[in-house]
Amino acid sequence: MHGDDGDAVALETAHSVAQHFKSHIEALLIRHDPQILAGDGLVIPSDYLVEMGNRWQNMAERVRKVYEETVTRLGIQKAEIDAGGAALGCPTASWRELSGQEAEVVGHQSRVFDLTIVARPDDPARDLWRVTAEAVLFDGGRPVLVTPQAPRAELGRKVLVAWNGSTETAQCVAMAMPWLTTADEVLVLAVKGGMVPGPSAEELARHLARNGVAAGARTLDEGDRSVAEVIIAEAHAMGADLIVKGAYTQSRFRQMIFGGVTNDLLHRSPLPVLFAH
């Protein structure tokens, strides 16, 4: 949480996940302490430090208020993240504040959580959400769920797996197995223009069947559409509430310059997307 309109959305999405798995939510606020640059003849006015401290305190209080109001509205029980909270058998939540750079701290903390949820803002000029999501993928090694500004009441009932045959997507499918094994419907979709050398959609569907997931498989030609457009269209057609996608089969730099499926889904998917690298 970082003091914008995505905070409540992230909490509502986390609640949907917690309902699905009877799990715990930790709402995390990162305080950005003022950076002091030391040097000969350099004086930092004390008023500046006081002002910055007050500014962050006010922001933290606003975010904490959003947390309290949202948890109360959704009826989430407050509990510590321990065995006692898990024994309650219902969604629980707790609050935590840490200091540092958000992407770095969240990337490190994500290593001891099953999932990190990041809300994508409507304003395309703001990119902290993306930096944070990428820190989870590359520094945390854990999956991240990126949700748009329209939270969904349910998640994981109908799941589209955006398969491209890659190592990254295979890793994502493995991390998504708790979702896939509890879904009502799973479709493995391969788009010819987005495939790399590797198993087909049908082969992945057979693998999932051996693990108790009755998944359909479909391979399509993108025609004059982008791969991401085909994925989104097929997700809408099946009524999906979640897309599963391996992140950055191509490098981040290449996707930033030339575009790519991960980049397109990150910024444009109207549905929550579960990414892993």
Protein backbone atom coordinates (compact mmCIF):
# COMPACT_ATOMS: atom_id res chain seq x y z
CA MET A 1 0.00 0.00 0.00
CA HIS A 2 1.37 3.40 -0.89
CA GLY A 3 -1.32 6.04 -0.48
CA ASP A 4 -3.19 6.04 -3.77
CA ASP A 5 -6.50 4.84 -5.19
CA GLY A 6 -5.09 1.34 -5.66
CA ASP A 7 -4.86 0.58 -1.94
CA ALA A 8 -8.50 -0.38 -1.45
CA VAL A 9 -8.48 -2.30 -4.75
CA ALA A 10 -5.44 -4.33 -3.66
CA LEU A 11 -7.12 -5.14 -0.34
CA GLU A 12 -10.39 -6.14 -2.01
CA THR A 13 -8.50 -8.41 -4.41
CA ALA A 14 -6.53 -9.86 -1.51
CA HIS A 15 -9.84 -10.57 0.22
CA SER A 16 -11.07 -12.50 -2.83
CA VAL A 17 -7.89 -14.59 -2.76
CA ALA A 18 -8.12 -15.11 1.00
CA GLN A 19 -11.71 -16.28 0.69
CA HIS A 20 -10.68 -18.77 -1.98
CA PHE A 21 -7.87 -20.27 0.11
CA LYS A 22 -8.86 -19.29 3.68
CA SER A 23 -5.57 -17.44 3.90
CA HIS A 24 -3.98 -14.44 5.64
CA ILE A 25 -3.50 -10.93 4.27
CA GLU A 26 -0.61 -8.74 5.36
CA ALA A 27 -1.06 -5.11 4.36
CA LEU A 28 2.42 -3.62 3.99
CA LEU A 29 3.29 0.08 4.00
CA ILE A 30 6.83 1.13 3.14
CA ARG A 31 7.99 4.40 4.68
CA HIS A 32 10.48 6.30 2.53
CA ASP A 33 12.86 7.92 4.97
CA PRO A 34 14.43 11.19 3.73
CA GLN A 35 17.79 10.56 2.07
CA ILE A 36 20.55 12.68 3.58
CA LEU A 37 23.47 13.45 1.25
CA ALA A 38 26.59 14.25 3.26
CA GLY A 39 29.31 16.55 1.97
CA ASP A 40 31.61 19.42 2.87
CA GLY A 41 29.68 22.62 3.34
CA LEU A 42 26.31 20.90 2.85
CA VAL A 43 23.69 21.79 5.45
CA ILE A 44 20.26 20.14 5.59
CA PRO A 45 17.78 22.51 7.27
CA SER A 46 16.08 20.89 10.23
CA ASP A 47 12.76 22.30 9.04
CA TYR A 48 13.07 20.20 5.88
CA LEU A 49 13.56 17.01 7.86
CA VAL A 50 10.60 17.83 10.09
CA GLU A 51 8.41 18.61 7.07
CA MET A 52 9.34 15.37 5.32
CA GLY A 53 8.72 13.38 8.48
CA ASN A 54 5.31 14.99 8.96
CA ARG A 55 4.42 14.40 5.34
CA TRP A 56 5.14 10.69 5.59
CA GLN A 57 3.34 10.43 8.92
CA ASN A 58 0.22 12.01 7.42
CA MET A 59 0.37 9.68 4.43
CA ALA A 60 0.81 6.64 6.69
CA GLU A 61 -2.23 7.67 8.72
CA ARG A 62 -4.34 8.04 5.55
CA VAL A 63 -3.28 4.61 4.30
CA ARG A 64 -3.90 3.01 7.69
CA LYS A 65 -7.39 4.55 7.66
CA VAL A 66 -8.09 3.00 4.24
CA TYR A 67 -6.90 -0.35 5.59
CA GLU A 68 -9.10 -0.16 8.69
CA GLU A 69 -12.18 0.94 6.76
CA THR A 70 -11.74 -1.70 4.04
CA VAL A 71 -11.11 -4.55 6.46
CA THR A 72 -14.20 -3.55 8.45
CA ARG A 73 -16.37 -3.20 5.32
CA LEU A 74 -15.34 -6.62 4.02
CA GLY A 75 -15.73 -8.29 7.41
CA ILE A 76 -12.14 -9.55 7.53
CA GLN A 77 -11.05 -10.74 10.95
CA LYS A 78 -7.86 -9.21 12.31
CA ALA A 79 -5.29 -11.74 13.47
CA GLU A 80 -1.57 -12.24 13.60
CA ILE A 81 0.19 -14.12 10.79
CA ASP A 82 0.80 -17.27 12.84
CA ALA A 83 -0.62 -20.71 13.47
CA GLY A 84 -3.32 -19.26 15.72
CA GLY A 85 -4.61 -17.07 12.90
CA ALA A 86 -4.50 -19.97 10.45
CA ALA A 87 -6.56 -22.09 12.83
CA LEU A 88 -9.48 -19.67 12.52
CA GLY A 89 -10.24 -21.13 9.07
CA CYS A 90 -11.32 -17.80 7.56
CA PRO A 91 -9.67 -14.82 5.87
CA THR A 92 -7.60 -12.81 8.33
CA ALA A 93 -5.55 -9.63 8.04
CA SER A 94 -2.78 -7.73 9.79
CA TRP A 95 -0.95 -4.43 9.30
CA ARG A 96 2.81 -3.88 9.01
CA GLU A 97 5.09 -0.90 8.39
CA LEU A 98 8.71 -1.07 7.24
CA SER A 99 11.22 1.57 6.14
CA GLY A 100 13.24 1.65 2.94
CA GLN A 101 12.79 1.73 -0.82
CA GLU A 102 9.46 0.12 -1.69
CA ALA A 103 10.59 -2.11 -4.56
CA GLU A 104 13.60 -3.41 -2.64
CA VAL A 105 11.72 -4.11 0.60
CA VAL A 106 8.71 -5.71 -1.11
CA GLY A 107 11.00 -7.81 -3.30
CA HIS A 108 12.76 -9.16 -0.24
CA GLN A 109 9.61 -9.67 1.86
CA SER A 110 7.79 -11.47 -0.96
CA ARG A 111 10.17 -14.42 -0.55
CA VAL A 112 8.23 -15.56 2.52
CA PHE A 113 4.72 -15.08 1.11
CA ASP A 114 2.77 -17.25 -1.32
CA LEU A 115 1.54 -14.26 -3.33
CA THR A 116 2.03 -10.51 -3.60
CA ILE A 117 -0.82 -8.37 -4.93
CA VAL A 118 -0.13 -5.11 -6.77
CA ALA A 119 -2.89 -2.81 -8.03
CA ARG A 120 -2.31 -1.14 -11.40
CA PRO A 121 -3.34 2.55 -11.31
CA ASP A 122 -5.40 4.18 -14.04
CA ASP A 123 -2.75 6.89 -14.48
CA PRO A 124 -0.15 5.50 -16.95
CA ALA A 125 2.45 8.06 -15.81
CA ARG A 126 2.80 6.40 -12.42
CA ASP A 127 5.16 3.44 -12.56
CA LEU A 128 5.98 2.54 -8.95
CA TRP A 129 3.47 -0.32 -9.16
CA ARG A 130 5.35 -1.83 -12.10
CA VAL A 131 8.76 -1.49 -10.44
CA THR A 132 7.35 -3.17 -7.33
CA ALA A 133 5.78 -6.01 -9.34
CA GLU A 134 9.04 -6.64 -11.18
CA ALA A 135 10.95 -6.67 -7.87
CA VAL A 136 8.71 -9.51 -6.69
CA LEU A 137 9.32 -11.44 -9.91
CA PHE A 138 13.09 -10.98 -10.12
CA ASP A 139 14.21 -10.34 -6.52
CA GLY A 140 11.60 -12.35 -4.68
CA GLY A 141 11.26 -15.28 -7.07
CA ARG A 142 7.59 -15.50 -6.17
CA PRO A 143 4.38 -14.92 -8.14
CA VAL A 144 2.69 -11.52 -8.29
CA LEU A 145 -0.97 -10.85 -8.99
CA VAL A 146 -1.49 -7.58 -10.87
CA THR A 147 -5.05 -6.35 -10.67
CA PRO A 148 -6.74 -3.50 -12.57
CA GLN A 149 -8.81 -0.85 -10.82
CA ALA A 150 -12.00 -2.95 -11.03
CA PRO A 151 -11.76 -5.60 -8.28
CA ARG A 152 -13.60 -8.89 -8.78
CA ALA A 153 -15.78 -10.53 -6.17
CA GLU A 154 -14.42 -13.97 -7.11
CA LEU A 155 -11.09 -15.12 -8.45
CA GLY A 156 -9.93 -18.45 -9.79
CA ARG A 157 -13.23 -20.01 -10.86
CA LYS A 158 -12.46 -19.78 -14.58
CA VAL A 159 -8.76 -19.58 -15.42
CA LEU A 160 -7.03 -19.00 -18.74
CA VAL A 161 -3.41 -20.17 -18.94
CA ALA A 162 -1.56 -18.10 -21.55
CA TRP A 163 0.86 -20.79 -22.67
CA ASN A 164 3.88 -20.10 -24.89
CA GLY A 165 6.01 -23.20 -24.25
CA SER A 166 8.62 -21.29 -22.22
CA THR A 167 10.46 -22.02 -18.99
CA GLU A 168 8.94 -18.90 -17.44
CA THR A 169 5.38 -19.98 -18.18
CA ALA A 170 6.09 -23.54 -16.99
CA GLN A 171 7.30 -22.04 -13.71
CA CYS A 172 4.17 -19.88 -13.50
CA VAL A 173 1.90 -22.88 -14.12
CA ALA A 174 3.64 -24.76 -11.31
CA MET A 175 3.11 -21.84 -8.92
CA ALA A 176 -0.52 -21.53 -10.08
CA MET A 177 -1.42 -25.17 -9.31
CA PRO A 178 -3.40 -24.24 -6.16
CA TRP A 179 -5.60 -22.10 -8.43
CA LEU A 180 -5.83 -24.66 -11.22
CA THR A 181 -6.74 -27.60 -9.01
CA THR A 182 -9.65 -25.68 -7.46
CA ALA A 183 -10.95 -23.96 -10.61
CA ASP A 184 -14.28 -24.84 -12.21
CA GLU A 185 -12.84 -24.40 -15.70
CA VAL A 186 -9.30 -24.12 -17.10
CA LEU A 187 -8.31 -23.33 -20.67
CA VAL A 188 -4.74 -23.59 -21.95
CA LEU A 189 -4.39 -21.10 -24.80
CA ALA A 190 -1.43 -20.95 -27.18
CA VAL A 191 -1.11 -18.17 -29.77
CA LYS A 192 1.14 -19.16 -32.64
CA GLY A 193 2.95 -15.83 -32.88
CA GLY A 194 3.85 -15.92 -29.20
CA MET A 195 5.23 -19.47 -28.98
CA VAL A 196 8.85 -20.41 -28.33
CA PRO A 197 10.32 -23.91 -28.87
CA GLY A 198 8.66 -26.13 -26.32
CA PRO A 199 5.62 -28.27 -25.54
CA SER A 200 2.25 -27.49 -27.12
CA ALA A 201 -0.92 -26.37 -25.37
CA GLU A 202 -2.30 -29.88 -25.76
CA GLU A 203 0.77 -31.36 -24.07
CA LEU A 204 0.39 -29.01 -21.11
CA ALA A 205 -3.31 -29.90 -20.86
CA ARG A 206 -2.38 -33.60 -20.69
CA HIS A 207 0.15 -32.85 -17.95
CA LEU A 208 -2.51 -30.95 -15.98
CA ALA A 209 -4.95 -33.85 -16.43
CA ARG A 210 -2.41 -36.18 -14.80
CA ASN A 211 -2.50 -33.80 -11.83
CA GLY A 212 -6.27 -33.73 -11.55
CA VAL A 213 -6.97 -30.59 -13.62
CA ALA A 214 -9.45 -31.11 -16.45
CA ALA A 215 -8.14 -28.42 -18.79
CA GLY A 216 -9.14 -27.68 -22.34
CA ALA A 217 -6.55 -26.65 -24.93
CA ARG A 218 -6.71 -24.31 -27.89
CA THR A 219 -4.10 -23.01 -30.36
CA LEU A 220 -4.93 -19.90 -32.38
CA ASP A 221 -3.37 -17.74 -35.05
CA GLU A 222 -3.23 -14.09 -34.01
CA GLY A 223 -3.99 -12.77 -37.50
CA ASP A 224 -3.88 -8.98 -37.45
CA ARG A 225 -4.16 -8.79 -33.66
CA SER A 226 -1.40 -8.76 -31.07
CA VAL A 227 -0.84 -11.87 -28.96
CA ALA A 228 -2.09 -10.02 -25.88
CA GLU A 229 -5.27 -8.99 -27.69
CA VAL A 230 -5.98 -12.62 -28.56
CA ILE A 231 -5.40 -13.68 -24.94
CA ILE A 232 -7.74 -10.99 -23.60
CA ALA A 233 -10.43 -11.78 -26.19
CA GLU A 234 -10.34 -15.50 -25.39
CA ALA A 235 -10.42 -14.78 -21.66
CA HIS A 236 -13.57 -12.71 -22.17
CA ALA A 237 -15.12 -15.39 -24.39
CA MET A 238 -14.77 -18.06 -21.70
CA GLY A 239 -15.79 -15.71 -18.89
CA ALA A 240 -12.39 -16.01 -17.21
CA ASP A 241 -11.72 -14.17 -13.96
CA LEU A 242 -7.96 -14.86 -13.93
CA ILE A 243 -5.14 -15.10 -16.48
CA VAL A 244 -1.96 -17.08 -15.71
CA LYS A 245 1.14 -15.92 -17.61
CA GLY A 246 4.88 -16.44 -17.38
CA ALA A 247 6.59 -13.05 -17.24
CA TYR A 248 9.33 -11.81 -19.55
CA THR A 249 10.22 -14.67 -21.84
CA GLN A 250 12.00 -11.83 -23.63
CA SER A 251 14.16 -9.48 -21.55
CA ARG A 252 12.60 -6.56 -19.70
CA PHE A 253 14.73 -4.10 -21.71
CA ARG A 254 13.65 -5.57 -25.03
CA GLN A 255 9.99 -5.47 -24.03
CA MET A 256 10.28 -1.85 -22.90
CA ILE A 257 11.74 -0.86 -26.28
CA PHE A 258 9.91 -3.15 -28.68
CA GLY A 259 6.91 -4.23 -26.65
CA GLY A 260 5.88 -7.76 -25.72
CA VAL A 261 3.08 -9.86 -24.32
CA THR A 262 4.07 -9.37 -20.68
CA ASN A 263 4.32 -5.62 -21.15
CA ASP A 264 0.94 -5.48 -22.92
CA LEU A 265 -0.86 -7.55 -20.27
CA LEU A 266 0.77 -5.63 -17.43
CA HIS A 267 -0.59 -2.35 -18.74
CA ARG A 268 -3.80 -3.32 -20.52
CA SER A 269 -5.37 -6.48 -19.14
CA PRO A 270 -8.90 -5.81 -17.84
CA LEU A 271 -8.57 -8.99 -15.76
CA PRO A 272 -6.21 -9.86 -12.91
CA VAL A 273 -3.07 -11.59 -14.18
CA LEU A 274 -0.93 -13.99 -12.16
CA PHE A 275 2.69 -13.57 -13.28
CA ALA A 276 5.80 -15.55 -12.37
CA HIS A 277 9.29 -15.59 -13.86
